[in-house]
Amino acid sequence: MSAAELAAASAVVFLAFFARGVSGFGSATVAIPLLVHVMPLKVAVPLLLVHDLLSTAATAHIDRRAVVRSEIAALLPFSMAGVIFGVTLLLAVPATPLLAALGALVIVFGVRTIANPQGRRHIARWWCAPAGFIGGALGGAFGIGAATPSMIYLTHRLADKHAVRGTFAAFGLFDYAYRLVVFAVTGLLLSRELLIAVLATLPAMALGMYLGNRLHGRISGERAFQVIGGLLVASGASLLWKALR
């Protein structure tokens, strides 16, 4: 990658982790559609995975008393199977249809983020199967969305917000670590280009998280969702245009 491409990637990573620091989610969903304009999808996905794992491990404060282990145990097997399916797609399917699918998905996520639907209806345990598998597949193929189905599932299973946050944080560490192992086994991490990109963008990730966390709480959740949702719609549309032109 050229110096200009690394600079552009650093700017995208900073924006993505600033958004995550402010809102608590969305780093890969913001970054991946923009990063693929300057690097291959097979580099962008593991790049964001490494940064997500590092930032989560560095900033997560998990209250073990708030973790509902039975929900993690229910989600994990289906999530692990979904990751295998998603990584298989990433390795086997040509880039153009994958980019088109990613662009469409990001637009959907953006519209949903703007709408910010809130529902607390309790759901049955069997929903862990589609939530875990779809989340894992999206994470494996695109590096995005793994959290979304799982978070939706947990918010409809657990009434206590602290239990949702703690359980999701613990599940996220398992999910990122497992995907890292799968990516290593399949060779997606064994790339000089990836190593250079990780080292070059690491300061941008750290700075974005730091500044975003400083602003967390000063910006209303509703306004943060609107801004990030608009960014997702725009980046998804640009990616769809890139894939279909």
Protein backbone atom coordinates (compact mmCIF):
# COMPACT_ATOMS: atom_id res chain seq x y z
CA MET A 1 0.00 0.00 0.00
CA SER A 2 1.17 3.51 -0.76
CA ALA A 3 1.66 6.20 1.86
CA ALA A 4 -1.46 7.99 0.58
CA GLU A 5 -3.55 4.80 0.94
CA LEU A 6 -2.26 4.22 4.46
CA ALA A 7 -3.09 7.83 5.36
CA ALA A 8 -6.61 7.40 3.99
CA ALA A 9 -7.00 4.12 5.91
CA SER A 10 -5.85 5.84 9.11
CA ALA A 11 -8.44 8.59 8.62
CA VAL A 12 -11.19 5.98 8.17
CA VAL A 13 -10.06 4.00 11.23
CA PHE A 14 -9.99 7.18 13.32
CA LEU A 15 -13.54 8.07 12.23
CA ALA A 16 -14.80 4.54 12.89
CA PHE A 17 -13.37 4.26 16.39
CA PHE A 18 -14.36 7.81 17.27
CA ALA A 19 -17.92 6.78 16.38
CA ARG A 20 -17.55 3.66 18.49
CA GLY A 21 -16.23 5.65 21.43
CA VAL A 22 -19.22 8.02 21.27
CA SER A 23 -21.94 5.43 20.65
CA GLY A 24 -20.46 2.12 21.83
CA PHE A 25 -20.87 0.30 18.53
CA GLY A 26 -20.31 0.35 14.80
CA SER A 27 -16.53 0.52 14.27
CA ALA A 28 -16.36 -2.15 11.57
CA THR A 29 -19.74 -1.21 10.10
CA VAL A 30 -18.49 2.34 9.57
CA ALA A 31 -14.96 1.44 8.48
CA ILE A 32 -15.25 -1.56 6.16
CA PRO A 33 -17.34 0.11 3.41
CA LEU A 34 -14.88 3.01 3.31
CA LEU A 35 -11.68 0.96 3.65
CA VAL A 36 -12.46 -1.18 0.59
CA HIS A 37 -12.00 1.94 -1.53
CA VAL A 38 -8.26 1.80 -0.66
CA MET A 39 -7.59 -1.88 0.13
CA PRO A 40 -8.97 -5.35 -0.72
CA LEU A 41 -11.87 -6.68 1.35
CA LYS A 42 -9.66 -9.61 2.44
CA VAL A 43 -7.30 -7.10 4.08
CA ALA A 44 -9.92 -4.71 5.43
CA VAL A 45 -11.91 -7.39 7.30
CA PRO A 46 -9.00 -8.84 9.35
CA LEU A 47 -7.59 -5.32 9.89
CA LEU A 48 -10.76 -4.20 11.66
CA LEU A 49 -10.98 -7.49 13.53
CA VAL A 50 -7.53 -6.96 15.04
CA HIS A 51 -8.39 -3.38 16.03
CA ASP A 52 -11.78 -4.39 17.45
CA LEU A 53 -10.21 -7.12 19.57
CA LEU A 54 -7.43 -4.82 20.85
CA SER A 55 -9.80 -1.96 21.66
CA THR A 56 -12.33 -4.25 23.34
CA ALA A 57 -9.68 -5.96 25.46
CA ALA A 58 -8.22 -2.59 26.45
CA THR A 59 -11.47 -0.82 27.33
CA ALA A 60 -13.92 -3.52 28.39
CA HIS A 61 -14.91 -3.43 32.04
CA ILE A 62 -16.89 -6.60 32.52
CA ASP A 63 -18.83 -7.07 35.73
CA ARG A 64 -18.78 -10.83 36.08
CA ARG A 65 -21.84 -10.70 38.29
CA ALA A 66 -23.79 -9.16 35.39
CA VAL A 67 -22.81 -11.83 32.85
CA VAL A 68 -25.55 -14.34 32.08
CA ARG A 69 -23.42 -17.33 31.08
CA SER A 70 -26.35 -19.39 29.85
CA GLU A 71 -27.06 -16.83 27.11
CA ILE A 72 -23.41 -16.84 25.98
CA ALA A 73 -23.44 -20.64 25.93
CA ALA A 74 -26.60 -20.55 23.79
CA LEU A 75 -25.25 -18.02 21.27
CA LEU A 76 -21.68 -19.24 20.84
CA PRO A 77 -22.15 -22.55 18.95
CA PHE A 78 -24.34 -20.91 16.31
CA SER A 79 -22.06 -17.89 16.08
CA MET A 80 -19.02 -20.15 15.58
CA ALA A 81 -20.79 -22.03 12.79
CA GLY A 82 -21.79 -18.73 11.19
CA VAL A 83 -18.19 -17.47 11.25
CA ILE A 84 -17.03 -20.57 9.34
CA PHE A 85 -19.76 -20.00 6.75
CA GLY A 86 -18.91 -16.30 6.42
CA VAL A 87 -15.16 -16.84 6.09
CA THR A 88 -15.85 -19.48 3.42
CA LEU A 89 -17.81 -16.87 1.46
CA LEU A 90 -15.01 -14.33 1.88
CA LEU A 91 -12.45 -16.77 0.48
CA ALA A 92 -14.55 -18.37 -2.26
CA VAL A 93 -16.88 -15.68 -3.65
CA PRO A 94 -15.56 -13.03 -6.08
CA ALA A 95 -15.14 -9.55 -4.62
CA THR A 96 -17.77 -7.76 -6.74
CA PRO A 97 -20.89 -9.59 -5.50
CA LEU A 98 -19.56 -9.51 -1.94
CA LEU A 99 -19.07 -5.74 -2.14
CA ALA A 100 -22.56 -5.27 -3.58
CA ALA A 101 -24.07 -7.36 -0.77
CA LEU A 102 -22.02 -5.45 1.81
CA GLY A 103 -23.18 -2.10 0.44
CA ALA A 104 -26.83 -3.15 0.62
CA LEU A 105 -26.40 -4.49 4.17
CA VAL A 106 -24.73 -1.30 5.38
CA ILE A 107 -27.58 0.79 3.97
CA VAL A 108 -30.07 -1.42 5.85
CA PHE A 109 -28.03 -1.07 9.05
CA GLY A 110 -27.88 2.70 8.53
CA VAL A 111 -31.64 3.05 8.10
CA ARG A 112 -32.22 0.87 11.17
CA THR A 113 -29.72 2.93 13.18
CA ILE A 114 -31.49 6.18 12.26
CA ALA A 115 -34.87 4.67 13.15
CA ASN A 116 -33.36 3.32 16.41
CA PRO A 117 -36.26 0.96 17.08
CA GLN A 118 -36.79 0.10 20.73
CA GLY A 119 -38.62 -3.05 21.64
CA ARG A 120 -38.55 -5.01 24.84
CA ARG A 121 -40.84 -7.94 24.01
CA HIS A 122 -39.43 -11.09 25.57
CA ILE A 123 -38.45 -13.76 23.04
CA ALA A 124 -37.86 -17.50 23.30
CA ARG A 125 -34.39 -19.02 23.73
CA TRP A 126 -34.53 -20.67 20.29
CA TRP A 127 -33.93 -17.24 18.69
CA CYS A 128 -30.28 -17.69 19.68
CA ALA A 129 -29.88 -19.93 16.62
CA PRO A 130 -30.67 -17.40 13.86
CA ALA A 131 -29.19 -14.50 15.86
CA GLY A 132 -25.92 -16.30 16.51
CA PHE A 133 -25.55 -17.77 13.02
CA ILE A 134 -26.43 -14.61 11.09
CA GLY A 135 -24.20 -12.50 13.31
CA GLY A 136 -21.30 -14.91 12.92
CA ALA A 137 -21.76 -15.12 9.15
CA LEU A 138 -21.77 -11.33 8.78
CA GLY A 139 -18.70 -11.06 10.99
CA GLY A 140 -16.84 -13.76 9.09
CA ALA A 141 -17.64 -12.48 5.61
CA PHE A 142 -17.63 -8.73 6.13
CA GLY A 143 -16.30 -8.07 9.63
CA ILE A 144 -19.53 -6.20 10.38
CA GLY A 145 -22.83 -6.88 11.99
CA ALA A 146 -21.72 -9.75 14.20
CA ALA A 147 -22.75 -7.69 17.20
CA THR A 148 -26.09 -6.47 15.86
CA PRO A 149 -28.16 -9.70 15.84
CA SER A 150 -26.63 -10.81 19.14
CA MET A 151 -27.35 -7.47 20.82
CA ILE A 152 -30.93 -7.48 19.52
CA TYR A 153 -31.34 -11.01 20.88
CA LEU A 154 -29.94 -10.11 24.31
CA THR A 155 -32.06 -6.97 24.68
CA HIS A 156 -35.15 -9.12 24.13
CA ARG A 157 -33.98 -11.82 26.54
CA LEU A 158 -32.62 -9.86 29.49
CA ALA A 159 -34.60 -7.18 31.29
CA ASP A 160 -31.66 -5.67 33.18
CA LYS A 161 -29.49 -3.26 31.15
CA HIS A 162 -26.38 -4.11 33.18
CA ALA A 163 -26.91 -7.79 32.37
CA VAL A 164 -27.27 -6.97 28.66
CA ARG A 165 -24.09 -4.87 28.66
CA GLY A 166 -22.02 -7.34 30.66
CA THR A 167 -23.20 -10.40 28.75
CA PHE A 168 -22.64 -8.70 25.40
CA ALA A 169 -19.13 -7.54 26.37
CA ALA A 170 -18.15 -11.05 27.46
CA PHE A 171 -19.67 -12.58 24.33
CA GLY A 172 -17.83 -10.03 22.17
CA LEU A 173 -14.44 -11.04 23.54
CA PHE A 174 -15.17 -14.70 22.74
CA ASP A 175 -16.44 -13.76 19.27
CA TYR A 176 -13.44 -11.61 18.33
CA ALA A 177 -10.93 -14.16 19.66
CA TYR A 178 -12.59 -17.03 17.79
CA ARG A 179 -12.71 -15.11 14.53
CA LEU A 180 -9.04 -14.22 14.96
CA VAL A 181 -8.19 -17.94 15.25
CA VAL A 182 -10.28 -18.80 12.17
CA PHE A 183 -8.67 -16.00 10.17
CA ALA A 184 -5.22 -17.21 11.22
CA VAL A 185 -5.97 -20.81 10.24
CA THR A 186 -7.30 -19.78 6.83
CA GLY A 187 -4.27 -17.56 6.16
CA LEU A 188 -6.13 -14.25 6.19
CA LEU A 189 -3.80 -12.92 8.91
CA LEU A 190 -0.60 -14.08 7.21
CA SER A 191 -0.06 -11.03 5.06
CA ARG A 192 2.72 -8.47 5.08
CA GLU A 193 0.26 -5.92 3.71
CA LEU A 194 -2.06 -6.56 6.68
CA LEU A 195 0.76 -6.21 9.22
CA ILE A 196 1.82 -2.87 7.73
CA ALA A 197 -1.80 -1.65 7.70
CA VAL A 198 -2.37 -2.67 11.33
CA LEU A 199 0.78 -0.92 12.56
CA ALA A 200 0.11 2.19 10.46
CA THR A 201 -3.50 2.59 11.62
CA LEU A 202 -3.04 1.59 15.28
CA PRO A 203 -2.42 5.18 16.48
CA ALA A 204 -5.55 6.35 14.66
CA MET A 205 -7.62 3.63 16.37
CA ALA A 206 -6.29 4.56 19.82
CA LEU A 207 -6.82 8.30 19.28
CA GLY A 208 -10.32 7.81 17.89
CA MET A 209 -11.35 5.64 20.86
CA TYR A 210 -9.84 8.11 23.34
CA LEU A 211 -11.57 11.19 21.89
CA GLY A 212 -14.84 9.33 21.35
CA ASN A 213 -14.88 8.10 24.93
CA ARG A 214 -14.19 11.66 26.14
CA LEU A 215 -17.28 12.87 24.27
CA HIS A 216 -19.43 9.92 25.32
CA GLY A 217 -22.28 11.26 27.42
CA ARG A 218 -21.92 14.81 26.11
CA ILE A 219 -23.74 13.91 22.90
CA SER A 220 -27.28 12.57 23.15
CA GLY A 221 -27.73 8.96 22.14
CA GLU A 222 -30.44 9.93 19.66
CA ARG A 223 -28.20 12.46 17.87
CA ALA A 224 -25.27 9.99 17.80
CA PHE A 225 -27.50 7.34 16.22
CA GLN A 226 -28.73 9.80 13.60
CA VAL A 227 -25.22 10.91 12.60
CA ILE A 228 -23.80 7.39 12.48
CA GLY A 229 -26.86 6.09 10.63
CA GLY A 230 -26.48 8.81 7.99
CA LEU A 231 -22.79 7.97 7.63
CA LEU A 232 -23.64 4.29 7.16
CA VAL A 233 -26.23 5.02 4.47
CA ALA A 234 -23.79 7.25 2.58
CA SER A 235 -20.86 4.82 2.83
CA GLY A 236 -23.08 1.86 1.88
CA ALA A 237 -24.38 3.73 -1.16
CA SER A 238 -20.83 4.59 -2.25
CA LEU A 239 -19.82 0.95 -1.91
CA LEU A 240 -22.85 -0.24 -3.87
CA TRP A 241 -21.99 2.22 -6.62
CA LYS A 242 -18.38 0.99 -6.65
CA ALA A 243 -19.48 -2.63 -6.97
CA LEU A 244 -22.11 -2.09 -9.66
CA ARG A 245 -20.41 0.44 -11.89
